[in-house]
């Protein structure tokens, strides 16, 4: 099975795994944040 190569973007270096995890937890903490995050994603479609 082939592994998919990761894409390195010019801004990728400033976001560490811990930053990404904190962002994810922030946007999934509590009902209203989940709802707001869901709405933002669907408006962007």
PDB file of N, CA and C in Angstrom:
ATOM      1  N   UNK A   1       0.842  -1.177   0.000  1.00  0.00           N
ATOM      2  CA  UNK A   1       0.000   0.000   0.000  1.00  0.00           C
ATOM      3  C   UNK A   1       0.887   1.240   0.000  1.00  0.00           C
ATOM      4  N   UNK A   2       0.599   2.167  -0.872  1.00  0.00           N
ATOM      5  CA  UNK A   2       1.396   3.391  -0.974  1.00  0.00           C
ATOM      6  C   UNK A   2       0.981   4.394   0.093  1.00  0.00           C
ATOM      7  N   UNK A   3       1.950   5.114   0.597  1.00  0.00           N
ATOM      8  CA  UNK A   3       1.623   6.190   1.533  1.00  0.00           C
ATOM      9  C   UNK A   3       1.471   7.482   0.739  1.00  0.00           C
ATOM     10  N   UNK A   4       0.529   8.298   1.150  1.00  0.00           N
ATOM     11  CA  UNK A   4       0.272   9.557   0.465  1.00  0.00           C
ATOM     12  C   UNK A   4       1.277  10.592   0.948  1.00  0.00           C
ATOM     13  N   UNK A   5       1.984  11.233   0.034  1.00  0.00           N
ATOM     14  CA  UNK A   5       2.949  12.257   0.453  1.00  0.00           C
ATOM     15  C   UNK A   5       2.209  13.475   1.013  1.00  0.00           C
ATOM     16  N   UNK A   6       2.757  14.059   2.067  1.00  0.00           N
ATOM     17  CA  UNK A   6       2.113  15.234   2.644  1.00  0.00           C
ATOM     18  C   UNK A   6       2.493  16.471   1.833  1.00  0.00           C
ATOM     19  N   UNK A   7       1.607  17.414   1.805  1.00  0.00           N
ATOM     20  CA  UNK A   7       1.841  18.648   1.081  1.00  0.00           C
ATOM     21  C   UNK A   7       2.384  19.681   2.050  1.00  0.00           C
ATOM     22  N   UNK A   8       3.471  20.295   1.707  1.00  0.00           N
ATOM     23  CA  UNK A   8       4.090  21.319   2.535  1.00  0.00           C
ATOM     24  C   UNK A   8       3.736  22.682   1.957  1.00  0.00           C
ATOM     25  N   UNK A   9       2.955  23.441   2.698  1.00  0.00           N
ATOM     26  CA  UNK A   9       2.557  24.771   2.262  1.00  0.00           C
ATOM     27  C   UNK A   9       3.434  25.820   2.933  1.00  0.00           C
ATOM     28  N   UNK A  10       3.460  27.029   2.387  1.00  0.00           N
ATOM     29  CA  UNK A  10       4.358  28.059   2.910  1.00  0.00           C
ATOM     30  C   UNK A  10       4.029  28.455   4.352  1.00  0.00           C
ATOM     31  N   UNK A  11       2.811  28.240   4.805  1.00  0.00           N
ATOM     32  CA  UNK A  11       2.447  28.606   6.174  1.00  0.00           C
ATOM     33  C   UNK A  11       2.371  27.403   7.109  1.00  0.00           C
ATOM     34  N   UNK A  12       2.645  26.205   6.605  1.00  0.00           N
ATOM     35  CA  UNK A  12       2.520  24.986   7.408  1.00  0.00           C
ATOM     36  C   UNK A  12       3.480  24.957   8.597  1.00  0.00           C
ATOM     37  N   UNK A  13       4.628  25.529   8.458  1.00  0.00           N
ATOM     38  CA  UNK A  13       5.641  25.466   9.500  1.00  0.00           C
ATOM     39  C   UNK A  13       5.259  26.159  10.791  1.00  0.00           C
ATOM     40  N   UNK A  14       4.381  27.139  10.735  1.00  0.00           N
ATOM     41  CA  UNK A  14       4.040  27.871  11.961  1.00  0.00           C
ATOM     42  C   UNK A  14       2.952  27.183  12.783  1.00  0.00           C
ATOM     43  N   UNK A  15       2.366  26.109  12.273  1.00  0.00           N
ATOM     44  CA  UNK A  15       1.329  25.390  12.992  1.00  0.00           C
ATOM     45  C   UNK A  15       1.834  24.015  13.421  1.00  0.00           C
ATOM     46  N   UNK A  16       2.102  23.878  14.701  1.00  0.00           N
ATOM     47  CA  UNK A  16       2.563  22.609  15.251  1.00  0.00           C
ATOM     48  C   UNK A  16       1.359  21.715  15.552  1.00  0.00           C
ATOM     49  N   UNK A  17       1.621  20.457  15.830  1.00  0.00           N
ATOM     50  CA  UNK A  17       0.565  19.504  16.172  1.00  0.00           C
ATOM     51  C   UNK A  17      -0.222  19.973  17.393  1.00  0.00           C
ATOM     52  N   UNK A  18       0.451  20.539  18.379  1.00  0.00           N
ATOM     53  CA  UNK A  18      -0.244  21.011  19.588  1.00  0.00           C
ATOM     54  C   UNK A  18      -1.179  22.167  19.263  1.00  0.00           C
ATOM     55  N   UNK A  19      -0.770  23.058  18.365  1.00  0.00           N
ATOM     56  CA  UNK A  19      -1.626  24.175  17.956  1.00  0.00           C
ATOM     57  C   UNK A  19      -2.873  23.655  17.242  1.00  0.00           C
ATOM     58  N   UNK A  20      -2.687  22.691  16.364  1.00  0.00           N
ATOM     59  CA  UNK A  20      -3.812  22.115  15.635  1.00  0.00           C
ATOM     60  C   UNK A  20      -4.783  21.421  16.588  1.00  0.00           C
ATOM     61  N   UNK A  21      -4.248  20.707  17.572  1.00  0.00           N
ATOM     62  CA  UNK A  21      -5.103  20.013  18.539  1.00  0.00           C
ATOM     63  C   UNK A  21      -5.882  21.009  19.386  1.00  0.00           C
ATOM     64  N   UNK A  22      -5.244  22.088  19.818  1.00  0.00           N
ATOM     65  CA  UNK A  22      -5.925  23.121  20.608  1.00  0.00           C
ATOM     66  C   UNK A  22      -7.033  23.775  19.786  1.00  0.00           C
ATOM     67  N   UNK A  23      -6.784  24.036  18.520  1.00  0.00           N
ATOM     68  CA  UNK A  23      -7.786  24.629  17.634  1.00  0.00           C
ATOM     69  C   UNK A  23      -8.979  23.685  17.474  1.00  0.00           C
ATOM     70  N   UNK A  24      -8.682  22.399  17.260  1.00  0.00           N
ATOM     71  CA  UNK A  24      -9.739  21.398  17.106  1.00  0.00           C
ATOM     72  C   UNK A  24     -10.599  21.328  18.371  1.00  0.00           C
ATOM     73  N   UNK A  25      -9.954  21.263  19.533  1.00  0.00           N
ATOM     74  CA  UNK A  25     -10.694  21.171  20.792  1.00  0.00           C
ATOM     75  C   UNK A  25     -11.520  22.419  21.045  1.00  0.00           C
ATOM     76  N   UNK A  26     -10.987  23.579  20.698  1.00  0.00           N
ATOM     77  CA  UNK A  26     -11.717  24.832  20.880  1.00  0.00           C
ATOM     78  C   UNK A  26     -13.010  24.824  20.073  1.00  0.00           C
ATOM     79  N   UNK A  27     -12.946  24.329  18.854  1.00  0.00           N
ATOM     80  CA  UNK A  27     -14.109  24.352  17.971  1.00  0.00           C
ATOM     81  C   UNK A  27     -15.077  23.196  18.211  1.00  0.00           C
ATOM     82  N   UNK A  28     -14.742  22.298  19.123  1.00  0.00           N
ATOM     83  CA  UNK A  28     -15.632  21.190  19.451  1.00  0.00           C
ATOM     84  C   UNK A  28     -15.928  21.142  20.944  1.00  0.00           C
ATOM     85  N   UNK A  29     -15.803  22.271  21.615  1.00  0.00           N
ATOM     86  CA  UNK A  29     -16.028  22.361  23.049  1.00  0.00           C
ATOM     87  C   UNK A  29     -17.400  22.988  23.308  1.00  0.00           C
ATOM     88  N   UNK A  30     -18.367  22.171  23.607  1.00  0.00           N
ATOM     89  CA  UNK A  30     -19.686  22.684  23.928  1.00  0.00           C
ATOM     90  C   UNK A  30     -20.618  22.742  22.732  1.00  0.00           C
ATOM     91  N   UNK A  31     -21.894  22.744  23.031  1.00  0.00           N
ATOM     92  CA  UNK A  31     -22.927  22.712  21.997  1.00  0.00           C
ATOM     93  C   UNK A  31     -22.868  23.905  21.062  1.00  0.00           C
ATOM     94  N   UNK A  32     -22.792  25.119  21.603  1.00  0.00           N
ATOM     95  CA  UNK A  32     -22.869  26.318  20.761  1.00  0.00           C
ATOM     96  C   UNK A  32     -21.651  26.477  19.874  1.00  0.00           C
ATOM     97  N   UNK A  33     -20.485  26.080  20.347  1.00  0.00           N
ATOM     98  CA  UNK A  33     -19.290  26.144  19.482  1.00  0.00           C
ATOM     99  C   UNK A  33     -19.373  25.125  18.361  1.00  0.00           C
ATOM    100  N   UNK A  34     -19.869  23.923  18.679  1.00  0.00           N
ATOM    101  CA  UNK A  34     -20.034  22.911  17.632  1.00  0.00           C
ATOM    102  C   UNK A  34     -21.028  23.392  16.583  1.00  0.00           C
ATOM    103  N   UNK A  35     -22.110  23.990  17.052  1.00  0.00           N
ATOM    104  CA  UNK A  35     -23.141  24.488  16.127  1.00  0.00           C
ATOM    105  C   UNK A  35     -22.588  25.608  15.253  1.00  0.00           C
ATOM    106  N   UNK A  36     -21.849  26.521  15.844  1.00  0.00           N
ATOM    107  CA  UNK A  36     -21.260  27.626  15.096  1.00  0.00           C
ATOM    108  C   UNK A  36     -20.247  27.112  14.070  1.00  0.00           C
ATOM    109  N   UNK A  37     -19.429  26.161  14.474  1.00  0.00           N
ATOM    110  CA  UNK A  37     -18.441  25.585  13.574  1.00  0.00           C
ATOM    111  C   UNK A  37     -19.129  24.871  12.416  1.00  0.00           C
ATOM    112  N   UNK A  38     -20.188  24.111  12.714  1.00  0.00           N
ATOM    113  CA  UNK A  38     -20.956  23.415  11.686  1.00  0.00           C
ATOM    114  C   UNK A  38     -21.553  24.416  10.700  1.00  0.00           C
ATOM    115  N   UNK A  39     -22.132  25.496  11.232  1.00  0.00           N
ATOM    116  CA  UNK A  39     -22.745  26.513  10.371  1.00  0.00           C
ATOM    117  C   UNK A  39     -21.691  27.146   9.464  1.00  0.00           C
ATOM    118  N   UNK A  40     -20.552  27.516  10.018  1.00  0.00           N
ATOM    119  CA  UNK A  40     -19.485  28.136   9.218  1.00  0.00           C
ATOM    120  C   UNK A  40     -19.048  27.229   8.077  1.00  0.00           C
ATOM    121  N   UNK A  41     -18.899  25.942   8.359  1.00  0.00           N
ATOM    122  CA  UNK A  41     -18.473  25.006   7.324  1.00  0.00           C
ATOM    123  C   UNK A  41     -19.511  24.872   6.225  1.00  0.00           C
ATOM    124  N   UNK A  42     -20.788  24.890   6.591  1.00  0.00           N
ATOM    125  CA  UNK A  42     -21.830  24.718   5.591  1.00  0.00           C
ATOM    126  C   UNK A  42     -22.111  26.002   4.815  1.00  0.00           C
ATOM    127  N   UNK A  43     -21.892  27.131   5.403  1.00  0.00           N
ATOM    128  CA  UNK A  43     -22.041  28.403   4.683  1.00  0.00           C
ATOM    129  C   UNK A  43     -20.934  28.517   3.632  1.00  0.00           C
ATOM    130  N   UNK A  44     -19.765  28.012   3.959  1.00  0.00           N
ATOM    131  CA  UNK A  44     -18.627  28.094   3.045  1.00  0.00           C
ATOM    132  C   UNK A  44     -18.798  27.201   1.816  1.00  0.00           C
ATOM    133  N   UNK A  45     -19.670  26.239   1.882  1.00  0.00           N
ATOM    134  CA  UNK A  45     -19.863  25.319   0.742  1.00  0.00           C
ATOM    135  C   UNK A  45     -20.489  26.007  -0.387  1.00  0.00           C
TER     136      UNK A  45
END
